[in-house]
Amino acid sequence: MGDYFQTVVDRDVSEADAAPLAARVIAWLVAEGVIGPDRTAPVLGRDPGYPPGPRIREVVDSSGWGEPWQGGGLDVAVARTVFDAGQYADPSSARCPRCERDVEFRDRALQEIPGAWAPFSEAIEDWEAGVEALVRCAHCDASSPLVDWTGMGHCITFGALGFTFWGWPDLTPAFLAEFDRRLDGHRTVVVSGKI
């Protein structure tokens, strides 16, 4: 069956700072009534997550969702993680942080460009192994950290801290802006999909 999710990923926090920052954000979400204080709600394939709180409807756009609905749990990852959109994780390009040109993974006929994804695949393996993950740009030949590449269509991103909301309607722009502020103004990406 599966479930829809959306993950707010902090792209800047270090692995050492991820857990303390996560604790501060969770305390804020509990204090605001967005989530409950105890991990009791199911999340797909993981330990229980934080259940929705009484003010969930204030932070989501539920238009288009049938009634009644209730969100699932909030899962928090505090380790170096590849966050992807599940069955929708198929980016068409990535933008180099140095020259700001797009590296295309598919041609106009949507056929895979041979070798275009290979530098990213290798960097993802390095990322998962906990070592420096660099990608060399096919345009400017500069190597940049994997976490600095953008433009992957919110299909995949990398970070040491992610908040996954399972079965929640879209988070509102105002809530996401406040979420960014609570993450010390770090760069964030929202990855959404279905598993």
C-alpha atoms as a PDB file:
ATOM      1  CA  MET A   1       0.000   0.000   0.000  1.00  0.00           C
ATOM      2  CA  GLY A   2       2.538   2.678   1.048  1.00  0.00           C
ATOM      3  CA  ASP A   3       2.221   6.196   2.336  1.00  0.00           C
ATOM      4  CA  TYR A   4       2.895   9.757   1.208  1.00  0.00           C
ATOM      5  CA  PHE A   5       5.508  11.803   3.018  1.00  0.00           C
ATOM      6  CA  GLN A   6       7.325  15.113   2.966  1.00  0.00           C
ATOM      7  CA  THR A   7      10.738  15.639   4.529  1.00  0.00           C
ATOM      8  CA  VAL A   8      12.259  18.955   5.571  1.00  0.00           C
ATOM      9  CA  VAL A   9      16.015  18.436   5.181  1.00  0.00           C
ATOM     10  CA  ASP A  10      18.638  20.686   6.779  1.00  0.00           C
ATOM     11  CA  ARG A  11      21.493  20.752   4.253  1.00  0.00           C
ATOM     12  CA  ASP A  12      23.941  22.709   6.434  1.00  0.00           C
ATOM     13  CA  VAL A  13      23.942  21.206   9.933  1.00  0.00           C
ATOM     14  CA  SER A  14      26.974  19.116  10.855  1.00  0.00           C
ATOM     15  CA  GLU A  15      26.576  15.564  12.069  1.00  0.00           C
ATOM     16  CA  ALA A  16      27.765  16.661  15.529  1.00  0.00           C
ATOM     17  CA  ASP A  17      25.151  19.436  15.742  1.00  0.00           C
ATOM     18  CA  ALA A  18      22.235  17.470  14.237  1.00  0.00           C
ATOM     19  CA  ALA A  19      20.902  15.852  17.437  1.00  0.00           C
ATOM     20  CA  PRO A  20      20.926  19.034  19.597  1.00  0.00           C
ATOM     21  CA  LEU A  21      19.264  21.037  16.807  1.00  0.00           C
ATOM     22  CA  ALA A  22      16.669  18.281  16.301  1.00  0.00           C
ATOM     23  CA  ALA A  23      15.865  18.360  20.027  1.00  0.00           C
ATOM     24  CA  ARG A  24      15.298  22.136  19.920  1.00  0.00           C
ATOM     25  CA  VAL A  25      13.002  21.863  16.884  1.00  0.00           C
ATOM     26  CA  ILE A  26      11.029  18.981  18.425  1.00  0.00           C
ATOM     27  CA  ALA A  27      10.577  21.003  21.633  1.00  0.00           C
ATOM     28  CA  TRP A  28       9.275  23.925  19.543  1.00  0.00           C
ATOM     29  CA  LEU A  29       6.854  21.665  17.596  1.00  0.00           C
ATOM     30  CA  VAL A  30       5.534  20.164  20.857  1.00  0.00           C
ATOM     31  CA  ALA A  31       5.185  23.607  22.502  1.00  0.00           C
ATOM     32  CA  GLU A  32       3.252  24.868  19.457  1.00  0.00           C
ATOM     33  CA  GLY A  33       0.913  21.852  19.533  1.00  0.00           C
ATOM     34  CA  VAL A  34       1.988  20.696  16.062  1.00  0.00           C
ATOM     35  CA  ILE A  35       3.068  17.291  17.387  1.00  0.00           C
ATOM     36  CA  GLY A  36       2.498  15.326  20.568  1.00  0.00           C
ATOM     37  CA  PRO A  37       5.342  14.860  23.063  1.00  0.00           C
ATOM     38  CA  ASP A  38       5.619  11.060  22.980  1.00  0.00           C
ATOM     39  CA  ARG A  39       6.538   8.742  20.115  1.00  0.00           C
ATOM     40  CA  THR A  40       3.382   6.747  19.614  1.00  0.00           C
ATOM     41  CA  ALA A  41       2.411   7.188  15.953  1.00  0.00           C
ATOM     42  CA  PRO A  42       3.342   4.675  13.255  1.00  0.00           C
ATOM     43  CA  VAL A  43       5.849   5.653  10.577  1.00  0.00           C
ATOM     44  CA  LEU A  44       6.608   3.423   7.630  1.00  0.00           C
ATOM     45  CA  GLY A  45       9.368   0.918   8.391  1.00  0.00           C
ATOM     46  CA  ARG A  46      10.709   2.746  11.473  1.00  0.00           C
ATOM     47  CA  ASP A  47      10.223   3.071  15.210  1.00  0.00           C
ATOM     48  CA  PRO A  48       7.149   5.024  16.284  1.00  0.00           C
ATOM     49  CA  GLY A  49       7.171   8.723  15.505  1.00  0.00           C
ATOM     50  CA  TYR A  50       5.645  11.808  17.085  1.00  0.00           C
ATOM     51  CA  PRO A  51       1.855  11.954  16.525  1.00  0.00           C
ATOM     52  CA  PRO A  52       0.113  15.022  15.113  1.00  0.00           C
ATOM     53  CA  GLY A  53      -0.811  17.572  17.759  1.00  0.00           C
ATOM     54  CA  PRO A  54      -4.042  19.515  18.222  1.00  0.00           C
ATOM     55  CA  ARG A  55      -2.836  22.382  15.987  1.00  0.00           C
ATOM     56  CA  ILE A  56      -1.894  20.275  12.939  1.00  0.00           C
ATOM     57  CA  ARG A  57      -4.560  21.943  10.779  1.00  0.00           C
ATOM     58  CA  GLU A  58      -2.871  25.328  11.279  1.00  0.00           C
ATOM     59  CA  VAL A  59       0.350  24.219   9.573  1.00  0.00           C
ATOM     60  CA  VAL A  60      -0.995  22.221   6.614  1.00  0.00           C
ATOM     61  CA  ASP A  61      -3.044  22.979   3.512  1.00  0.00           C
ATOM     62  CA  SER A  62      -5.724  20.292   3.599  1.00  0.00           C
ATOM     63  CA  SER A  63      -7.733  21.647   0.650  1.00  0.00           C
ATOM     64  CA  GLY A  64      -8.200  18.754  -1.727  1.00  0.00           C
ATOM     65  CA  TRP A  65      -7.947  16.204   1.047  1.00  0.00           C
ATOM     66  CA  GLY A  66     -11.141  14.353   1.821  1.00  0.00           C
ATOM     67  CA  GLU A  67     -12.567  14.390   5.312  1.00  0.00           C
ATOM     68  CA  PRO A  68     -11.873  12.981   7.732  1.00  0.00           C
ATOM     69  CA  TRP A  69      -8.082  12.788   7.515  1.00  0.00           C
ATOM     70  CA  GLN A  70      -5.466  12.544  10.163  1.00  0.00           C
ATOM     71  CA  GLY A  71      -1.720  12.743   9.720  1.00  0.00           C
ATOM     72  CA  GLY A  72       0.669   9.968  10.547  1.00  0.00           C
ATOM     73  CA  GLY A  73       3.802  10.253  12.612  1.00  0.00           C
ATOM     74  CA  LEU A  74       6.788  12.579  12.403  1.00  0.00           C
ATOM     75  CA  ASP A  75      10.081  10.707  12.022  1.00  0.00           C
ATOM     76  CA  VAL A  76      13.350  12.531  12.718  1.00  0.00           C
ATOM     77  CA  ALA A  77      16.657  11.365  11.183  1.00  0.00           C
ATOM     78  CA  VAL A  78      19.809  12.657  12.882  1.00  0.00           C
ATOM     79  CA  ALA A  79      22.504  10.948  10.820  1.00  0.00           C
ATOM     80  CA  ARG A  80      24.084  11.406   7.414  1.00  0.00           C
ATOM     81  CA  THR A  81      21.228  10.381   5.134  1.00  0.00           C
ATOM     82  CA  VAL A  82      20.241  10.287   1.467  1.00  0.00           C
ATOM     83  CA  PHE A  83      16.706  11.701   1.474  1.00  0.00           C
ATOM     84  CA  ASP A  84      14.813  10.729  -1.652  1.00  0.00           C
ATOM     85  CA  ALA A  85      11.261  10.869  -2.923  1.00  0.00           C
ATOM     86  CA  GLY A  86      10.790   7.107  -2.949  1.00  0.00           C
ATOM     87  CA  GLN A  87       9.165   5.973  -6.146  1.00  0.00           C
ATOM     88  CA  TYR A  88       9.396   9.560  -7.495  1.00  0.00           C
ATOM     89  CA  ALA A  89      13.194   9.865  -6.991  1.00  0.00           C
ATOM     90  CA  ASP A  90      14.288  10.361 -10.588  1.00  0.00           C
ATOM     91  CA  PRO A  91      15.930  13.786 -11.041  1.00  0.00           C
ATOM     92  CA  SER A  92      16.379  15.045 -14.593  1.00  0.00           C
ATOM     93  CA  SER A  93      19.331  17.338 -13.819  1.00  0.00           C
ATOM     94  CA  ALA A  94      21.496  18.904 -11.115  1.00  0.00           C
ATOM     95  CA  ARG A  95      22.917  22.419 -10.872  1.00  0.00           C
ATOM     96  CA  CYS A  96      26.623  22.970 -10.260  1.00  0.00           C
ATOM     97  CA  PRO A  97      27.243  25.266  -7.275  1.00  0.00           C
ATOM     98  CA  ARG A  98      30.310  26.749  -9.003  1.00  0.00           C
ATOM     99  CA  CYS A  99      29.300  27.556 -12.594  1.00  0.00           C
ATOM    100  CA  GLU A 100      25.531  27.310 -11.957  1.00  0.00           C
ATOM    101  CA  ARG A 101      24.994  25.271 -15.128  1.00  0.00           C
ATOM    102  CA  ASP A 102      22.750  22.225 -15.195  1.00  0.00           C
ATOM    103  CA  VAL A 103      24.158  18.763 -15.706  1.00  0.00           C
ATOM    104  CA  GLU A 104      21.405  16.910 -17.565  1.00  0.00           C
ATOM    105  CA  PHE A 105      20.728  13.240 -16.862  1.00  0.00           C
ATOM    106  CA  ARG A 106      18.234  12.772 -19.700  1.00  0.00           C
ATOM    107  CA  ASP A 107      18.067  14.105 -23.242  1.00  0.00           C
ATOM    108  CA  ARG A 108      15.047  15.780 -24.872  1.00  0.00           C
ATOM    109  CA  ALA A 109      13.585  12.374 -25.714  1.00  0.00           C
ATOM    110  CA  LEU A 110      13.850  11.537 -21.975  1.00  0.00           C
ATOM    111  CA  GLN A 111      16.496   8.928 -22.682  1.00  0.00           C
ATOM    112  CA  GLU A 112      19.234   8.490 -20.098  1.00  0.00           C
ATOM    113  CA  ILE A 113      22.482  10.238 -21.064  1.00  0.00           C
ATOM    114  CA  PRO A 114      25.230   7.620 -20.708  1.00  0.00           C
ATOM    115  CA  GLY A 115      27.606   8.382 -17.833  1.00  0.00           C
ATOM    116  CA  ALA A 116      25.885  11.605 -16.710  1.00  0.00           C
ATOM    117  CA  TRP A 117      24.660  10.151 -13.409  1.00  0.00           C
ATOM    118  CA  ALA A 118      27.891   8.224 -12.664  1.00  0.00           C
ATOM    119  CA  PRO A 119      29.718  11.032 -10.761  1.00  0.00           C
ATOM    120  CA  PHE A 120      26.653  11.499  -8.564  1.00  0.00           C
ATOM    121  CA  SER A 121      26.271   7.772  -7.942  1.00  0.00           C
ATOM    122  CA  GLU A 122      29.914   7.566  -6.830  1.00  0.00           C
ATOM    123  CA  ALA A 123      29.516  10.616  -4.573  1.00  0.00           C
ATOM    124  CA  ILE A 124      26.369   9.113  -3.014  1.00  0.00           C
ATOM    125  CA  GLU A 125      28.350   5.964  -2.167  1.00  0.00           C
ATOM    126  CA  ASP A 126      31.003   8.172  -0.523  1.00  0.00           C
ATOM    127  CA  TRP A 127      28.304  10.113   1.349  1.00  0.00           C
ATOM    128  CA  GLU A 128      26.758   6.907   2.673  1.00  0.00           C
ATOM    129  CA  ALA A 129      30.221   5.654   3.697  1.00  0.00           C
ATOM    130  CA  GLY A 130      30.746   8.817   5.748  1.00  0.00           C
ATOM    131  CA  VAL A 131      33.619  10.213   3.703  1.00  0.00           C
ATOM    132  CA  GLU A 132      33.984  13.394   1.666  1.00  0.00           C
ATOM    133  CA  ALA A 133      31.566  13.257  -1.263  1.00  0.00           C
ATOM    134  CA  LEU A 134      32.619  15.402  -4.210  1.00  0.00           C
ATOM    135  CA  VAL A 135      31.102  15.694  -7.694  1.00  0.00           C
ATOM    136  CA  ARG A 136      33.123  16.969 -10.651  1.00  0.00           C
ATOM    137  CA  CYS A 137      31.105  19.213 -12.962  1.00  0.00           C
ATOM    138  CA  ALA A 138      30.954  18.150 -16.601  1.00  0.00           C
ATOM    139  CA  HIS A 139      30.915  21.839 -17.632  1.00  0.00           C
ATOM    140  CA  CYS A 140      33.483  23.695 -15.493  1.00  0.00           C
ATOM    141  CA  ASP A 141      35.505  20.654 -14.308  1.00  0.00           C
ATOM    142  CA  ALA A 142      35.386  21.912 -10.686  1.00  0.00           C
ATOM    143  CA  SER A 143      34.694  19.496  -7.845  1.00  0.00           C
ATOM    144  CA  SER A 144      32.064  20.520  -5.306  1.00  0.00           C
ATOM    145  CA  PRO A 145      30.549  18.804  -2.264  1.00  0.00           C
ATOM    146  CA  LEU A 146      27.540  16.672  -3.127  1.00  0.00           C
ATOM    147  CA  VAL A 147      25.420  18.573  -0.570  1.00  0.00           C
ATOM    148  CA  ASP A 148      25.979  21.842  -2.479  1.00  0.00           C
ATOM    149  CA  TRP A 149      24.471  20.622  -5.764  1.00  0.00           C
ATOM    150  CA  THR A 150      20.875  21.791  -6.259  1.00  0.00           C
ATOM    151  CA  GLY A 151      18.108  21.577  -8.828  1.00  0.00           C
ATOM    152  CA  MET A 152      17.335  17.894  -8.500  1.00  0.00           C
ATOM    153  CA  GLY A 153      13.630  18.639  -8.585  1.00  0.00           C
ATOM    154  CA  HIS A 154      13.145  17.903  -4.900  1.00  0.00           C
ATOM    155  CA  CYS A 155      13.680  14.253  -5.789  1.00  0.00           C
ATOM    156  CA  ILE A 156      16.825  13.699  -3.756  1.00  0.00           C
ATOM    157  CA  THR A 157      18.984  15.645  -1.320  1.00  0.00           C
ATOM    158  CA  PHE A 158      21.578  14.991   1.343  1.00  0.00           C
ATOM    159  CA  GLY A 159      21.903  16.050   4.955  1.00  0.00           C
ATOM    160  CA  ALA A 160      22.468  15.016   8.550  1.00  0.00           C
ATOM    161  CA  LEU A 161      19.029  16.102   9.779  1.00  0.00           C
ATOM    162  CA  GLY A 162      15.595  15.481   8.308  1.00  0.00           C
ATOM    163  CA  PHE A 163      12.026  15.730   9.598  1.00  0.00           C
ATOM    164  CA  THR A 164       9.665  13.373   7.739  1.00  0.00           C
ATOM    165  CA  PHE A 165       5.936  14.040   8.069  1.00  0.00           C
ATOM    166  CA  TRP A 166       4.076  10.856   7.103  1.00  0.00           C
ATOM    167  CA  GLY A 167       0.585  11.237   5.634  1.00  0.00           C
ATOM    168  CA  TRP A 168       0.303  14.992   6.278  1.00  0.00           C
ATOM    169  CA  PRO A 169      -1.184  17.379   3.697  1.00  0.00           C
ATOM    170  CA  ASP A 170       1.280  19.903   2.249  1.00  0.00           C
ATOM    171  CA  LEU A 171       2.966  22.028   4.878  1.00  0.00           C
ATOM    172  CA  THR A 172       2.084  25.723   4.504  1.00  0.00           C
ATOM    173  CA  PRO A 173       4.668  28.221   3.252  1.00  0.00           C
ATOM    174  CA  ALA A 174       4.393  30.170   6.528  1.00  0.00           C
ATOM    175  CA  PHE A 175       5.109  27.043   8.567  1.00  0.00           C
ATOM    176  CA  LEU A 176       8.056  26.109   6.330  1.00  0.00           C
ATOM    177  CA  ALA A 177       9.477  29.632   6.692  1.00  0.00           C
ATOM    178  CA  GLU A 178       9.260  29.381  10.481  1.00  0.00           C
ATOM    179  CA  PHE A 179      10.748  25.885  10.302  1.00  0.00           C
ATOM    180  CA  ASP A 180      13.746  27.316   8.396  1.00  0.00           C
ATOM    181  CA  ARG A 181      14.161  29.989  11.044  1.00  0.00           C
ATOM    182  CA  ARG A 182      14.106  27.353  13.795  1.00  0.00           C
ATOM    183  CA  LEU A 183      16.834  25.493  11.901  1.00  0.00           C
ATOM    184  CA  ASP A 184      19.105  28.513  12.451  1.00  0.00           C
ATOM    185  CA  GLY A 185      18.437  29.812   8.934  1.00  0.00           C
ATOM    186  CA  HIS A 186      20.193  26.845   7.327  1.00  0.00           C
ATOM    187  CA  ARG A 187      19.540  25.904   3.707  1.00  0.00           C
ATOM    188  CA  THR A 188      16.633  23.468   3.561  1.00  0.00           C
ATOM    189  CA  VAL A 189      14.951  21.373   0.919  1.00  0.00           C
ATOM    190  CA  VAL A 190      11.544  19.722   1.074  1.00  0.00           C
ATOM    191  CA  VAL A 191      11.524  16.273  -0.511  1.00  0.00           C
ATOM    192  CA  SER A 192       8.122  14.685  -0.957  1.00  0.00           C
ATOM    193  CA  GLY A 193       6.974  11.420  -2.409  1.00  0.00           C
ATOM    194  CA  LYS A 194       5.465   8.040  -1.710  1.00  0.00           C
ATOM    195  CA  ILE A 195       6.887   4.758  -0.523  1.00  0.00           C
END
